[in-house]
N, C-alpha and C. Protein backbone atom coordinates (compact mmCIF):
# COMPACT_ATOMS: atom_id res chain seq x y z
N MET A 1 33.75 83.61 -112.61
CA MET A 1 34.91 83.82 -113.34
C MET A 1 36.07 83.23 -112.45
N ASN A 2 36.12 83.71 -111.25
CA ASN A 2 37.52 83.39 -110.29
C ASN A 2 36.88 82.17 -109.45
N ALA A 3 35.87 81.09 -109.66
CA ALA A 3 35.54 79.92 -109.00
C ALA A 3 36.37 79.35 -109.02
N PRO A 4 36.60 78.45 -107.97
CA PRO A 4 37.38 76.90 -107.88
C PRO A 4 37.25 76.22 -109.00
N ALA A 5 38.10 75.56 -109.76
CA ALA A 5 37.59 74.71 -110.66
C ALA A 5 38.78 73.48 -111.29
N GLU A 6 38.14 72.67 -112.08
CA GLU A 6 39.25 71.55 -112.26
C GLU A 6 38.69 71.36 -113.39
N ILE A 7 39.83 70.94 -114.40
CA ILE A 7 39.34 69.95 -115.76
C ILE A 7 39.92 68.91 -115.45
N TYR A 8 38.72 67.98 -115.98
CA TYR A 8 38.83 66.54 -116.02
C TYR A 8 39.00 66.24 -117.53
N ARG A 9 39.67 64.80 -117.17
CA ARG A 9 39.73 64.12 -118.60
C ARG A 9 39.59 62.59 -118.57
N ARG A 10 39.35 62.23 -119.51
CA ARG A 10 38.87 60.53 -119.45
C ARG A 10 39.09 60.17 -120.92
N VAL A 11 39.88 59.42 -121.11
CA VAL A 11 40.73 59.09 -122.33
C VAL A 11 39.74 57.83 -122.82
N ARG A 12 39.33 56.90 -122.30
CA ARG A 12 38.46 56.18 -122.63
C ARG A 12 37.22 56.13 -122.03
N GLN A 13 36.15 55.65 -122.75
CA GLN A 13 34.67 55.34 -122.40
C GLN A 13 34.77 54.70 -121.25
N ASP A 14 35.57 53.66 -120.75
CA ASP A 14 35.36 52.75 -119.93
C ASP A 14 36.23 53.30 -118.55
N ALA A 15 37.33 54.27 -119.00
CA ALA A 15 38.07 54.69 -117.94
C ALA A 15 37.76 55.84 -116.77
N ALA A 16 38.01 55.46 -116.00
CA ALA A 16 37.61 56.79 -114.85
C ALA A 16 38.38 58.06 -115.41
N ALA A 17 37.79 59.18 -114.99
CA ALA A 17 38.19 60.66 -115.52
C ALA A 17 38.95 60.92 -114.47
N VAL A 18 40.08 61.56 -114.66
CA VAL A 18 41.21 61.74 -114.23
C VAL A 18 41.47 63.29 -113.95
N ILE A 19 41.46 64.37 -112.80
CA ILE A 19 41.82 65.65 -112.65
C ILE A 19 42.92 65.95 -113.03
N VAL A 20 42.89 66.90 -114.31
CA VAL A 20 44.62 66.90 -115.09
C VAL A 20 44.93 68.75 -114.60
N ALA A 21 44.02 69.20 -113.95
CA ALA A 21 44.49 71.03 -113.96
C ALA A 21 43.21 71.47 -112.76
N ARG A 22 43.92 72.01 -111.97
CA ARG A 22 43.08 73.08 -110.77
C ARG A 22 43.25 74.53 -110.87
N GLY A 23 42.21 74.98 -110.61
CA GLY A 23 42.56 76.77 -110.63
C GLY A 23 41.53 77.31 -111.04
N PRO A 24 41.17 78.77 -110.97
CA PRO A 24 40.43 79.47 -110.90
C PRO A 24 39.85 79.02 -112.43
N LEU A 25 38.35 79.16 -112.50
CA LEU A 25 37.31 79.02 -113.66
C LEU A 25 38.16 79.43 -114.89
N VAL A 26 38.30 81.07 -114.78
CA VAL A 26 38.82 81.51 -116.24
C VAL A 26 39.92 80.69 -116.71
N ILE A 27 40.94 80.69 -115.95
CA ILE A 27 42.11 79.68 -116.08
C ILE A 27 42.07 78.64 -116.92
N MET A 28 41.02 77.66 -116.26
CA MET A 28 40.67 76.67 -116.73
C MET A 28 40.38 76.82 -118.06
N ALA A 29 39.53 77.42 -118.34
CA ALA A 29 38.77 77.90 -119.65
C ALA A 29 40.00 78.03 -120.45
N HIS A 30 40.92 78.78 -120.04
CA HIS A 30 41.86 79.28 -121.42
C HIS A 30 42.79 77.82 -121.26
N GLY A 31 43.17 77.10 -120.22
CA GLY A 31 43.92 75.98 -120.56
C GLY A 31 43.51 74.86 -121.40
N LEU A 32 41.82 75.02 -121.03
CA LEU A 32 41.32 74.04 -122.19
C LEU A 32 41.15 74.60 -123.19
N MET A 33 41.13 75.72 -123.58
CA MET A 33 41.26 76.13 -124.99
C MET A 33 42.82 76.17 -125.72
N ALA A 34 43.59 75.80 -124.95
CA ALA A 34 44.94 75.61 -125.23
C ALA A 34 45.47 74.08 -125.77
N LEU A 35 44.34 73.40 -125.77
CA LEU A 35 44.62 72.09 -126.08
C LEU A 35 44.05 72.36 -127.40
N ALA A 36 44.62 71.25 -128.21
CA ALA A 36 44.49 71.02 -129.79
C ALA A 36 42.91 70.49 -129.59
N PRO A 37 41.81 71.08 -130.85
CA PRO A 37 40.64 70.95 -131.01
C PRO A 37 40.27 69.41 -130.87
N VAL A 38 40.79 68.43 -131.24
CA VAL A 38 40.67 67.20 -131.45
C VAL A 38 40.60 66.68 -129.94
N ASP A 39 41.47 67.12 -129.09
CA ASP A 39 42.01 66.63 -127.70
C ASP A 39 40.59 67.18 -126.84
N ARG A 40 40.35 68.14 -127.28
CA ARG A 40 39.30 69.14 -126.41
C ARG A 40 37.91 67.76 -125.82
N GLY A 41 37.46 67.02 -126.74
CA GLY A 41 36.66 66.36 -126.59
C GLY A 41 36.51 65.37 -125.36
N THR A 42 37.31 64.89 -125.14
CA THR A 42 37.96 63.87 -123.87
C THR A 42 38.05 64.91 -122.50
N CYS A 43 37.80 66.06 -122.46
CA CYS A 43 37.63 67.08 -121.65
C CYS A 43 36.78 67.39 -121.32
N TRP A 44 36.62 68.25 -119.87
CA TRP A 44 35.70 69.13 -119.48
C TRP A 44 35.75 69.87 -117.97
N ILE A 45 35.44 71.04 -117.59
CA ILE A 45 35.32 71.54 -116.38
C ILE A 45 34.38 71.26 -115.69
N HIS A 46 34.97 71.15 -114.33
CA HIS A 46 34.09 71.38 -113.16
C HIS A 46 33.95 72.38 -112.37
N TYR A 47 32.76 72.74 -111.93
CA TYR A 47 33.23 73.80 -110.90
C TYR A 47 31.92 73.76 -109.73
N ALA A 48 31.57 74.49 -108.56
CA ALA A 48 30.20 74.46 -108.17
C ALA A 48 29.37 74.83 -108.63
N GLY A 49 29.23 75.42 -110.12
CA GLY A 49 28.30 76.06 -110.80
C GLY A 49 27.80 74.63 -111.74
N GLY A 50 28.60 73.58 -111.66
CA GLY A 50 28.32 72.09 -112.70
C GLY A 50 29.45 72.09 -113.13
N ASP A 51 29.31 71.24 -114.43
CA ASP A 51 30.08 70.89 -115.51
C ASP A 51 30.33 72.06 -116.71
N VAL A 52 31.03 72.22 -117.73
CA VAL A 52 31.37 73.15 -118.34
C VAL A 52 32.27 72.23 -119.71
N SER A 53 31.19 72.08 -120.87
CA SER A 53 31.85 71.45 -122.18
C SER A 53 32.77 72.52 -122.79
N PRO A 54 33.66 72.04 -123.69
CA PRO A 54 34.84 72.74 -124.10
C PRO A 54 34.30 73.83 -125.08
N GLY A 55 32.90 73.85 -125.65
CA GLY A 55 32.41 74.46 -126.35
C GLY A 55 31.77 75.55 -125.32
N GLU A 56 31.11 75.34 -124.50
CA GLU A 56 30.54 76.75 -123.35
C GLU A 56 31.75 77.01 -122.73
N ALA A 57 32.74 76.43 -122.66
CA ALA A 57 33.90 77.31 -121.90
C ALA A 57 34.54 78.72 -122.90
N GLU A 58 34.35 77.79 -124.39
CA GLU A 58 34.91 78.74 -125.32
C GLU A 58 33.84 80.23 -125.54
N GLU A 59 32.61 79.94 -125.28
CA GLU A 59 31.60 80.97 -125.37
C GLU A 59 31.97 81.95 -124.14
N ALA A 60 31.77 81.23 -123.09
CA ALA A 60 32.10 82.05 -121.86
C ALA A 60 33.44 83.01 -122.21
N LEU A 61 34.28 82.36 -122.56
CA LEU A 61 35.66 83.20 -122.65
C LEU A 61 35.36 84.33 -123.54
N ARG A 62 34.56 83.99 -124.34
CA ARG A 62 34.18 85.58 -125.73
C ARG A 62 33.81 86.63 -124.81
N ILE A 63 32.27 86.18 -124.33
CA ILE A 63 31.97 87.00 -122.87
C ILE A 63 32.52 87.70 -122.71
N TRP A 64 33.48 86.97 -121.74
CA TRP A 64 34.12 87.36 -120.55
C TRP A 64 35.31 88.81 -120.87
N GLN A 65 35.73 88.33 -122.41
CA GLN A 65 36.66 89.42 -122.82
C GLN A 65 36.33 90.34 -123.62
N SER A 66 34.78 90.19 -124.24
CA SER A 66 33.65 91.39 -124.54
C SER A 66 33.55 92.33 -123.34
N GLY A 67 33.36 92.19 -122.38
CA GLY A 67 33.06 93.27 -121.07
C GLY A 67 31.52 92.83 -121.06
N ASN A 68 31.09 91.99 -121.66
CA ASN A 68 29.40 91.76 -121.37
C ASN A 68 28.97 90.82 -120.36
N CYS A 69 29.82 90.76 -119.28
CA CYS A 69 29.35 90.19 -118.69
C CYS A 69 28.62 90.58 -117.53
């Protein structure tokens, strides 16, 4: 939950991915959910455990907030 993480964004399929934010994984997940759903599709979170899609981030937040982690 507090692992260092980065939000990446790729605007075009042929463009390079750009880091748009860095911070704890849980904060990056909240930040990703703050974007409009249509904009989330171009973003993902990367941390030492791998890549996290917007859908996976949303599910992780539900679990963390429920206390069932």
